[in-house]
Amino acid sequence: MTSCGGDKAKPTKVDESFLTLADVTGTASLKEDTPGVRVINVKTKSFIKQNDIRAAKNKALELAKVRAVDDMVQELLPSETYNREYAKINEYMSKNIGNYIVATDINGEKKIFNDKYYGISVSVKVNRQKVLVAIQKDLKLINKAGSSLVTVITSKKGIDLSSVGFRFSDIESALMNQLQTDLNQRGLTAMDFRNAVASMQTDEKKKKAFSQISKEQFMAMISGSKAGDAALNKQVQESEEFYSTGLTLLKELAKVVVEVNIFAVQGNIRGNVSLSLNVTAKNISTGTGGAFANTIVNVARAGGPNVIASAMITGLVKDSYEDMQKKFIPQVIKEMSTISVGGKNLTAYELVMKGFEKREGRTLRKLVQSLEAENLRYIDSDNTVPGIISIYVRFAGKPTELSDTIMDGLDKQQITVDEPIVSPKLRDLVFVKQEKPQS
């Protein structure tokens, strides 16, 4: 750093009256009480117009909702998709923000930036599932496989249901319909194994082979068994290549397979019926996914002379599904809402330059624009508040890395500033200009 007479710039005296978002604190209050929601804590601010604190507070709260939903989107999307479409995402989500917010609670609030802005620290409870549905169905930014699952009903060989007056296929259909209806209503795509297999028949050379896959073969592929060890037809036994290709295609089709394995259905002379089953969910989208949810369900219904078999089936299935909903289904929903991604997202930041005159805004804008790269993009600037020039950017990386990048750029222009306060939760980086020494 150079200066007149070789002296270093004098450090700026601490201005205790100048508060920033870092000074707005509070204890988070909202809790993540269900798997379908996320509580995201953010800090935002809004310019106080005509001394209207209430309006500024409401605007800051709206900005907090948008910020929280954007954070949720970043958790659900691969970084390359988010970085490519962030403008489209922001426009759509901002217009429909009320659809995704469950609750908000302001943890702290005060005037900041020389009392020109109103800052708040707020907890926002976001409906993760609704955000997932929006970016998949409305914005079409998630591959269908990311929200698709296959449901399969299996049973022990030779299970005899004649004693209770109905067939295994009756229970199979009822359970399948219950599972798929509920999961589809939650914004997921639930298919049975036959529809899943049929949907893979895009290659004419493989169409005939895939059309003959049985339920046992389907589950054998999911479990990773070798073709020769499974109860497979001759065609599949002779083709390990086909077998491994089948699992590859399944991974492209769905993320999770839910298997309901019926252990036993028993009845007695008085018409009482009980149902025992084991339900397991397996993540097949990654090589290390495996089973992530499992539960055993035992339910029973009291019979009688006027009870018909179809009513008993409906009751047993209803009771079984109510048991699954306590823990198993929430685990499935949570797994379907979590998409492993790599890379870094381009996150919105505001560079607050304090102590600069309006005429210096052009220099600061050009400086930031000269630093643009794959991980740093200039968006816009604002010089409406005297003594403060705000520059809006998007940056892929930690706040400390952005701070260092801007500080290095300012150093090269011989502009001396105090190092800003940084925190993973802060999106405002305040650079206070140091006074030049007297010659």
Protein backbone atom coordinates (compact mmCIF):
# COMPACT_ATOMS: atom_id res chain seq x y z
CA MET A 1 0.00 0.00 0.00
CA THR A 2 1.41 3.39 -0.94
CA SER A 3 0.53 6.82 0.41
CA CYS A 4 1.91 10.36 0.75
CA GLY A 5 5.23 10.46 2.60
CA GLY A 6 5.26 6.67 2.78
CA ASP A 7 2.91 6.71 5.75
CA LYS A 8 0.32 4.02 6.10
CA ALA A 9 -3.34 4.87 6.12
CA LYS A 10 -4.71 5.63 9.54
CA PRO A 11 -7.15 3.08 10.94
CA THR A 12 -10.69 4.40 11.10
CA LYS A 13 -11.90 5.18 14.59
CA VAL A 14 -14.55 2.74 15.73
CA ASP A 15 -17.94 4.28 15.06
CA GLU A 16 -20.07 2.68 17.74
CA SER A 17 -23.19 4.35 16.35
CA PHE A 18 -22.79 2.59 12.99
CA LEU A 19 -24.57 -0.74 13.36
CA THR A 20 -24.79 -3.50 10.74
CA LEU A 21 -26.71 -6.75 10.41
CA ALA A 22 -23.97 -8.38 12.46
CA ASP A 23 -25.33 -6.39 15.44
CA VAL A 24 -28.88 -7.70 14.97
CA THR A 25 -29.04 -10.81 17.14
CA GLY A 26 -31.62 -13.07 18.71
CA THR A 27 -32.37 -16.63 19.70
CA ALA A 28 -34.01 -18.87 17.10
CA SER A 29 -37.44 -19.95 18.24
CA LEU A 30 -39.11 -22.09 15.57
CA LYS A 31 -38.43 -25.84 15.55
CA GLU A 32 -38.31 -28.45 12.80
CA ASP A 33 -41.18 -30.51 14.18
CA THR A 34 -41.89 -32.59 11.03
CA PRO A 35 -39.65 -34.06 8.29
CA GLY A 36 -41.43 -32.00 5.64
CA VAL A 37 -40.21 -28.61 6.91
CA ARG A 38 -36.92 -26.79 7.40
CA VAL A 39 -36.30 -23.88 9.75
CA ILE A 40 -33.87 -21.43 8.17
CA ASN A 41 -32.46 -18.50 10.15
CA VAL A 42 -31.62 -15.40 8.13
CA LYS A 43 -30.84 -11.70 8.56
CA THR A 44 -32.22 -9.09 6.18
CA LYS A 45 -32.68 -5.32 6.04
CA SER A 46 -34.82 -2.72 4.28
CA PHE A 47 -34.39 1.00 3.62
CA ILE A 48 -36.50 3.18 5.90
CA LYS A 49 -38.56 5.52 3.70
CA GLN A 50 -40.13 8.65 5.23
CA ASN A 51 -39.35 7.34 8.71
CA ASP A 52 -41.88 4.50 8.25
CA ILE A 53 -40.40 1.78 10.49
CA ARG A 54 -43.39 -0.53 10.08
CA ALA A 55 -43.15 -0.57 6.29
CA ALA A 56 -39.38 -1.17 6.43
CA LYS A 57 -39.87 -4.04 8.88
CA ASN A 58 -42.53 -5.66 6.69
CA LYS A 59 -40.30 -5.33 3.63
CA ALA A 60 -37.36 -6.88 5.49
CA LEU A 61 -39.62 -9.76 6.53
CA GLU A 62 -40.68 -10.37 2.92
CA LEU A 63 -37.02 -10.36 1.88
CA ALA A 64 -36.31 -12.89 4.64
CA LYS A 65 -38.95 -15.24 3.26
CA VAL A 66 -37.48 -15.01 -0.22
CA ARG A 67 -33.98 -15.58 1.15
CA ALA A 68 -35.07 -18.63 3.20
CA VAL A 69 -36.84 -20.25 0.25
CA ASP A 70 -33.81 -19.57 -1.93
CA ASP A 71 -31.63 -21.32 0.66
CA MET A 72 -34.02 -24.28 0.53
CA VAL A 73 -33.84 -24.38 -3.27
CA GLN A 74 -30.04 -24.41 -3.08
CA GLU A 75 -30.19 -27.45 -0.81
CA LEU A 76 -32.39 -29.32 -3.29
CA LEU A 77 -30.74 -28.47 -6.61
CA PRO A 78 -27.38 -29.49 -8.05
CA SER A 79 -25.11 -26.45 -8.05
CA GLU A 80 -24.72 -26.36 -11.83
CA THR A 81 -28.52 -26.24 -12.26
CA TYR A 82 -28.98 -23.54 -9.63
CA ASN A 83 -26.16 -21.39 -11.01
CA ARG A 84 -27.57 -21.61 -14.52
CA GLU A 85 -31.16 -20.81 -13.54
CA TYR A 86 -30.94 -18.62 -10.41
CA ALA A 87 -32.61 -15.63 -12.10
CA LYS A 88 -35.54 -17.77 -13.26
CA ILE A 89 -35.81 -19.41 -9.83
CA ASN A 90 -35.78 -16.10 -7.99
CA GLU A 91 -38.48 -14.59 -10.21
CA TYR A 92 -40.82 -17.59 -9.88
CA MET A 93 -40.33 -18.21 -6.17
CA SER A 94 -40.71 -14.53 -5.26
CA LYS A 95 -44.10 -14.40 -6.99
CA ASN A 96 -45.34 -17.49 -5.15
CA ILE A 97 -43.50 -17.08 -1.86
CA GLY A 98 -46.60 -17.55 0.32
CA ASN A 99 -47.01 -21.13 -0.94
CA TYR A 100 -43.80 -22.28 0.73
CA ILE A 101 -43.82 -20.49 4.11
CA VAL A 102 -45.28 -22.30 7.13
CA ALA A 103 -44.39 -19.72 9.81
CA THR A 104 -42.02 -16.85 10.62
CA ASP A 105 -40.74 -15.44 13.90
CA ILE A 106 -38.56 -12.33 14.33
CA ASN A 107 -35.79 -13.04 16.83
CA GLY A 108 -34.19 -9.58 16.86
CA GLU A 109 -34.60 -6.16 15.20
CA LYS A 110 -33.08 -2.66 15.21
CA LYS A 111 -32.13 0.31 13.08
CA ILE A 112 -28.77 -0.09 11.30
CA PHE A 113 -26.55 1.76 8.80
CA ASN A 114 -26.82 5.16 10.51
CA ASP A 115 -30.51 4.51 11.17
CA LYS A 116 -31.19 4.47 7.43
CA TYR A 117 -32.13 0.77 7.33
CA TYR A 118 -34.17 -1.56 9.52
CA GLY A 119 -32.55 -4.93 10.14
CA ILE A 120 -34.13 -8.12 11.42
CA SER A 121 -32.97 -11.56 12.47
CA VAL A 122 -35.76 -14.01 11.65
CA SER A 123 -36.55 -17.74 11.73
CA VAL A 124 -38.48 -18.95 8.69
CA LYS A 125 -40.18 -22.35 8.61
CA VAL A 126 -40.18 -23.52 4.97
CA ASN A 127 -42.26 -26.37 3.50
CA ARG A 128 -39.49 -28.42 1.90
CA GLN A 129 -41.86 -30.70 0.00
CA LYS A 130 -43.74 -27.81 -1.66
CA VAL A 131 -40.46 -26.23 -2.73
CA LEU A 132 -39.37 -29.57 -4.18
CA VAL A 133 -42.63 -29.90 -6.12
CA ALA A 134 -42.27 -26.35 -7.47
CA ILE A 135 -38.74 -26.77 -8.81
CA GLN A 136 -39.56 -30.16 -10.26
CA LYS A 137 -43.06 -29.78 -11.70
CA ASP A 138 -43.37 -26.03 -12.30
CA LEU A 139 -39.81 -25.01 -13.08
CA LYS A 140 -38.87 -28.49 -14.39
CA LEU A 141 -35.35 -28.24 -12.98
CA ILE A 142 -35.11 -31.67 -11.33
CA ASN A 143 -34.77 -34.91 -13.21
CA LYS A 144 -37.89 -37.02 -12.77
CA ALA A 145 -35.83 -39.77 -11.12
CA GLY A 146 -35.08 -37.40 -8.24
CA SER A 147 -38.71 -37.53 -7.08
CA SER A 148 -39.73 -40.99 -8.34
CA LEU A 149 -40.02 -44.17 -6.34
CA VAL A 150 -41.12 -47.71 -7.12
CA THR A 151 -43.42 -49.63 -4.78
CA VAL A 152 -43.40 -53.43 -4.70
CA ILE A 153 -45.58 -55.83 -2.69
CA THR A 154 -44.01 -59.23 -2.03
CA SER A 155 -44.80 -62.22 0.18
CA LYS A 156 -43.47 -65.52 1.45
CA LYS A 157 -43.88 -68.28 -1.14
CA GLY A 158 -46.96 -70.44 -0.73
CA ILE A 159 -48.86 -68.07 1.58
CA ASP A 160 -52.44 -69.40 1.74
CA LEU A 161 -55.23 -66.88 2.23
CA SER A 162 -58.15 -69.17 1.49
CA SER A 163 -58.87 -69.59 5.20
CA VAL A 164 -59.69 -65.90 5.52
CA GLY A 165 -61.79 -65.71 2.39
CA PHE A 166 -59.70 -63.68 -0.07
CA ARG A 167 -56.68 -63.80 -2.34
CA PHE A 168 -53.20 -62.38 -1.89
CA SER A 169 -53.73 -60.15 -4.93
CA ASP A 170 -56.56 -58.39 -3.05
CA ILE A 171 -54.20 -57.26 -0.28
CA GLU A 172 -51.49 -56.49 -2.84
CA SER A 173 -53.77 -54.16 -4.82
CA ALA A 174 -55.18 -52.45 -1.75
CA LEU A 175 -51.73 -51.77 -0.22
CA MET A 176 -50.31 -50.63 -3.56
CA ASN A 177 -53.18 -48.21 -4.13
CA GLN A 178 -52.87 -46.79 -0.60
CA LEU A 179 -49.12 -46.24 -0.85
CA GLN A 180 -49.12 -44.74 -4.32
CA THR A 181 -52.14 -42.49 -3.76
CA ASP A 182 -50.70 -40.95 -0.60
CA LEU A 183 -47.18 -40.49 -1.95
CA ASN A 184 -48.41 -39.05 -5.26
CA GLN A 185 -50.54 -36.54 -3.35
CA ARG A 186 -47.38 -35.42 -1.58
CA GLY A 187 -45.81 -34.40 -4.90
CA LEU A 188 -43.79 -37.57 -5.51
CA THR A 189 -44.07 -39.99 -8.42
CA ALA A 190 -44.89 -43.48 -7.11
CA MET A 191 -45.10 -46.39 -9.57
CA ASP A 192 -45.48 -50.14 -9.17
CA PHE A 193 -42.70 -52.35 -10.51
CA ARG A 194 -44.59 -53.28 -13.70
CA ASN A 195 -45.11 -49.64 -14.73
CA ALA A 196 -41.48 -48.96 -13.91
CA VAL A 197 -40.31 -51.80 -16.13
CA ALA A 198 -42.67 -50.80 -18.93
CA SER A 199 -41.42 -47.22 -18.87
CA MET A 200 -37.87 -48.46 -19.52
CA GLN A 201 -38.77 -50.08 -22.83
CA THR A 202 -37.41 -47.34 -25.08
CA ASP A 203 -34.74 -49.50 -26.74
CA GLU A 204 -36.30 -51.95 -29.20
CA LYS A 205 -33.43 -54.41 -28.70
CA LYS A 206 -34.17 -54.62 -24.97
CA LYS A 207 -37.94 -54.19 -25.07
CA LYS A 208 -38.68 -57.91 -25.33
CA ALA A 209 -36.26 -58.79 -22.56
CA PHE A 210 -37.48 -56.13 -20.15
CA SER A 211 -41.12 -56.97 -20.72
CA GLN A 212 -40.50 -60.41 -19.17
CA ILE A 213 -38.95 -59.23 -15.92
CA SER A 214 -40.84 -60.71 -12.98
CA LYS A 215 -41.32 -59.16 -9.56
CA GLU A 216 -38.67 -61.52 -8.15
CA GLN A 217 -36.18 -60.50 -10.84
CA PHE A 218 -36.93 -56.83 -10.23
CA MET A 219 -36.23 -57.17 -6.50
CA ALA A 220 -33.12 -59.26 -7.20
CA MET A 221 -31.70 -56.41 -9.25
CA ILE A 222 -32.48 -53.95 -6.45
CA SER A 223 -30.74 -56.11 -3.83
CA GLY A 224 -27.64 -56.50 -6.01
CA SER A 225 -27.78 -60.30 -6.11
CA LYS A 226 -25.98 -62.10 -8.90
CA ALA A 227 -28.20 -63.39 -11.67
CA GLY A 228 -27.27 -67.01 -11.04
CA ASP A 229 -28.26 -66.77 -7.35
CA ALA A 230 -31.74 -65.42 -7.98
CA ALA A 231 -34.90 -67.10 -9.18
CA LEU A 232 -34.47 -65.69 -12.69
CA ASN A 233 -35.56 -67.05 -16.04
CA LYS A 234 -33.01 -68.58 -18.37
CA GLN A 235 -32.76 -65.47 -20.50
CA VAL A 236 -31.55 -63.34 -17.58
CA GLN A 237 -29.36 -66.05 -16.02
CA GLU A 238 -27.35 -66.18 -19.22
CA SER A 239 -26.80 -62.44 -19.36
CA GLU A 240 -24.97 -60.75 -16.51
CA GLU A 241 -24.58 -57.76 -18.81
CA PHE A 242 -28.36 -57.43 -19.14
CA TYR A 243 -28.72 -57.84 -15.40
CA SER A 244 -26.35 -54.99 -14.54
CA THR A 245 -27.81 -52.83 -17.31
CA GLY A 246 -31.24 -53.31 -15.77
CA LEU A 247 -30.13 -51.80 -12.46
CA THR A 248 -28.44 -48.92 -14.29
CA LEU A 249 -31.72 -48.13 -16.02
CA LEU A 250 -33.63 -48.37 -12.75
CA LYS A 251 -31.32 -45.77 -11.22
CA GLU A 252 -32.17 -43.44 -14.07
CA LEU A 253 -35.86 -44.03 -13.47
CA ALA A 254 -36.22 -43.78 -9.70
CA LYS A 255 -34.42 -42.79 -6.54
CA VAL A 256 -36.08 -45.08 -4.00
CA VAL A 257 -37.72 -48.52 -4.00
CA VAL A 258 -40.27 -49.30 -1.28
CA GLU A 259 -40.85 -53.02 -0.66
CA VAL A 260 -43.76 -54.27 1.42
CA ASN A 261 -43.09 -57.90 2.33
CA ILE A 262 -46.13 -59.65 3.78
CA PHE A 263 -45.08 -62.23 6.37
CA ALA A 264 -48.44 -63.70 7.27
CA VAL A 265 -52.18 -63.27 7.11
CA GLN A 266 -54.01 -65.35 9.71
CA GLY A 267 -57.62 -65.87 10.72
CA ASN A 268 -59.65 -67.98 13.12
CA ILE A 269 -63.05 -69.57 13.22
CA ARG A 270 -64.61 -66.44 14.75
CA GLY A 271 -63.56 -64.38 11.73
CA ASN A 272 -60.75 -62.44 13.41
CA VAL A 273 -57.93 -61.58 10.99
CA SER A 274 -54.35 -60.36 11.55
CA LEU A 275 -51.74 -59.06 9.12
CA SER A 276 -47.96 -58.99 9.63
CA LEU A 277 -45.62 -57.26 7.21
CA ASN A 278 -42.17 -55.74 6.91
CA VAL A 279 -41.73 -52.54 4.94
CA THR A 280 -38.32 -51.36 3.71
CA ALA A 281 -37.16 -48.36 1.67
CA LYS A 282 -33.92 -48.53 -0.32
CA ASN A 283 -32.10 -45.67 -2.03
CA ILE A 284 -30.91 -47.03 -5.38
CA SER A 285 -29.69 -43.73 -6.82
CA THR A 286 -26.21 -44.16 -5.35
CA GLY A 287 -23.95 -47.13 -4.91
CA THR A 288 -23.82 -46.63 -1.14
CA GLY A 289 -27.49 -45.76 -0.59
CA GLY A 290 -28.98 -49.06 0.54
CA ALA A 291 -31.84 -49.42 3.01
CA PHE A 292 -32.52 -46.26 5.03
CA ALA A 293 -35.94 -47.04 6.54
CA ASN A 294 -37.48 -50.25 7.85
CA THR A 295 -40.35 -51.18 10.12
CA ILE A 296 -42.43 -54.23 11.07
CA VAL A 297 -46.20 -53.79 11.20
CA ASN A 298 -48.63 -56.06 13.03
CA VAL A 299 -52.35 -55.25 12.87
CA ALA A 300 -55.53 -57.19 13.64
CA ARG A 301 -59.27 -56.84 13.10
CA ALA A 302 -62.11 -58.46 15.02
CA GLY A 303 -64.54 -60.36 12.81
CA GLY A 304 -68.12 -61.43 13.21
CA PRO A 305 -71.02 -63.09 11.39
CA ASN A 306 -71.89 -59.97 9.37
CA VAL A 307 -68.36 -58.92 8.36
CA ILE A 308 -67.44 -59.47 4.71
CA ALA A 309 -63.93 -60.19 3.42
CA SER A 310 -63.56 -56.99 1.39
CA ALA A 311 -64.32 -54.88 4.47
CA MET A 312 -61.67 -56.78 6.43
CA ILE A 313 -59.10 -56.13 3.69
CA THR A 314 -59.87 -52.42 3.70
CA GLY A 315 -59.58 -52.26 7.47
CA LEU A 316 -56.29 -54.17 7.65
CA VAL A 317 -54.72 -52.04 4.94
CA LYS A 318 -55.93 -48.84 6.62
CA ASP A 319 -54.51 -49.90 9.99
CA SER A 320 -51.20 -50.96 8.38
CA TYR A 321 -50.79 -47.65 6.60
CA GLU A 322 -51.59 -45.65 9.73
CA ASP A 323 -48.74 -47.49 11.45
CA MET A 324 -46.38 -46.73 8.52
CA GLN A 325 -47.27 -43.04 8.67
CA LYS A 326 -45.92 -42.71 12.21
CA LYS A 327 -42.29 -43.11 11.24
CA PHE A 328 -41.70 -44.94 7.97
CA ILE A 329 -43.45 -42.58 5.52
CA PRO A 330 -41.82 -39.43 7.03
CA GLN A 331 -38.41 -41.08 6.58
CA VAL A 332 -39.20 -41.80 2.92
CA ILE A 333 -40.35 -38.22 2.33
CA LYS A 334 -37.23 -36.84 3.98
CA GLU A 335 -34.96 -39.06 1.87
CA MET A 336 -36.79 -38.07 -1.32
CA SER A 337 -36.37 -34.40 -0.41
CA THR A 338 -32.60 -34.66 0.02
CA ILE A 339 -30.53 -34.64 -3.13
CA SER A 340 -26.78 -35.05 -2.82
CA VAL A 341 -25.00 -32.37 -4.84
CA GLY A 342 -21.46 -31.29 -5.39
CA GLY A 343 -19.91 -27.97 -6.28
CA LYS A 344 -20.80 -24.52 -4.95
CA ASN A 345 -23.86 -22.35 -5.53
CA LEU A 346 -23.74 -18.73 -6.65
CA THR A 347 -25.17 -17.07 -3.54
CA ALA A 348 -26.40 -13.47 -3.41
CA TYR A 349 -24.29 -11.00 -1.39
CA GLU A 350 -24.33 -7.24 -0.86
CA LEU A 351 -21.01 -5.40 -0.66
CA VAL A 352 -21.66 -2.31 1.48
CA MET A 353 -19.02 0.36 0.87
CA LYS A 354 -19.22 2.90 3.74
CA GLY A 355 -17.48 6.29 3.66
CA PHE A 356 -17.38 6.57 -0.12
CA GLU A 357 -18.84 9.49 -2.03
CA LYS A 358 -21.41 8.99 -4.78
CA ARG A 359 -18.87 9.94 -7.47
CA GLU A 360 -16.71 6.97 -6.39
CA GLY A 361 -19.46 4.51 -7.21
CA ARG A 362 -18.35 4.12 -10.82
CA THR A 363 -14.81 3.23 -9.74
CA LEU A 364 -16.10 0.64 -7.29
CA ARG A 365 -18.47 -0.86 -9.86
CA LYS A 366 -15.74 -1.20 -12.45
CA LEU A 367 -13.43 -2.70 -9.83
CA VAL A 368 -15.93 -5.43 -8.94
CA GLN A 369 -16.74 -6.05 -12.61
CA SER A 370 -13.03 -6.53 -13.30
CA LEU A 371 -13.00 -9.31 -10.70
CA GLU A 372 -15.79 -11.27 -12.39
CA ALA A 373 -15.13 -14.96 -12.86
CA GLU A 374 -17.02 -18.26 -12.82
CA ASN A 375 -17.46 -17.92 -9.07
CA LEU A 376 -18.10 -14.14 -8.91
CA ARG A 377 -20.73 -12.23 -10.89
CA TYR A 378 -21.58 -8.54 -10.69
CA ILE A 379 -25.36 -7.95 -10.57
CA ASP A 380 -26.12 -4.26 -9.81
CA SER A 381 -25.40 -1.32 -7.48
CA ASP A 382 -27.25 1.27 -5.37
CA ASN A 383 -26.02 4.72 -4.27
CA THR A 384 -29.26 6.21 -2.90
CA VAL A 385 -28.04 6.39 0.72
CA PRO A 386 -25.46 9.18 1.33
CA GLY A 387 -22.07 7.80 2.32
CA ILE A 388 -22.96 4.23 1.34
CA ILE A 389 -22.56 2.49 -2.02
CA SER A 390 -24.08 -0.98 -2.19
CA ILE A 391 -22.88 -3.44 -4.85
CA TYR A 392 -24.84 -6.64 -5.41
CA VAL A 393 -22.99 -9.77 -6.50
CA ARG A 394 -23.34 -13.52 -6.59
CA PHE A 395 -20.46 -15.59 -5.29
CA ALA A 396 -19.76 -19.33 -5.13
CA GLY A 397 -17.74 -19.86 -1.98
CA LYS A 398 -17.40 -18.84 1.64
CA PRO A 399 -18.00 -15.23 2.80
CA THR A 400 -14.35 -15.08 3.91
CA GLU A 401 -13.24 -15.94 0.38
CA LEU A 402 -15.43 -13.19 -1.07
CA SER A 403 -14.06 -10.73 1.48
CA ASP A 404 -10.47 -11.60 0.58
CA THR A 405 -11.21 -11.28 -3.14
CA ILE A 406 -12.70 -7.79 -2.73
CA MET A 407 -9.97 -6.67 -0.31
CA ASP A 408 -7.28 -7.77 -2.77
CA GLY A 409 -9.00 -5.81 -5.55
CA LEU A 410 -9.24 -2.70 -3.40
CA ASP A 411 -5.57 -3.02 -2.40
CA LYS A 412 -4.53 -3.00 -6.06
CA GLN A 413 -6.42 0.27 -6.51
CA GLN A 414 -4.74 1.65 -3.34
CA ILE A 415 -8.13 1.92 -1.64
CA THR A 416 -7.80 1.08 2.03
CA VAL A 417 -10.73 -0.31 3.99
CA ASP A 418 -11.28 -2.08 7.27
CA GLU A 419 -11.72 -5.81 7.01
CA PRO A 420 -15.46 -6.61 7.19
CA ILE A 421 -17.22 -8.77 9.75
CA VAL A 422 -17.91 -12.15 8.14
CA SER A 423 -20.17 -15.01 9.15
CA PRO A 424 -21.70 -17.98 7.29
CA LYS A 425 -25.16 -16.45 7.88
CA LEU A 426 -24.32 -12.86 6.86
CA ARG A 427 -24.94 -11.83 3.27
CA ASP A 428 -23.89 -8.20 3.86
CA LEU A 429 -20.14 -7.48 3.87
CA VAL A 430 -19.44 -3.95 5.12
CA PHE A 431 -16.17 -2.36 3.92
CA VAL A 432 -15.47 0.88 5.85
CA LYS A 433 -13.12 3.27 4.04
CA GLN A 434 -10.08 4.34 6.05
CA GLU A 435 -9.03 7.96 6.23
CA LYS A 436 -6.00 8.92 4.19
CA PRO A 437 -3.08 10.29 6.24
CA GLN A 438 -2.26 13.96 6.05
CA SER A 439 0.70 14.78 3.80
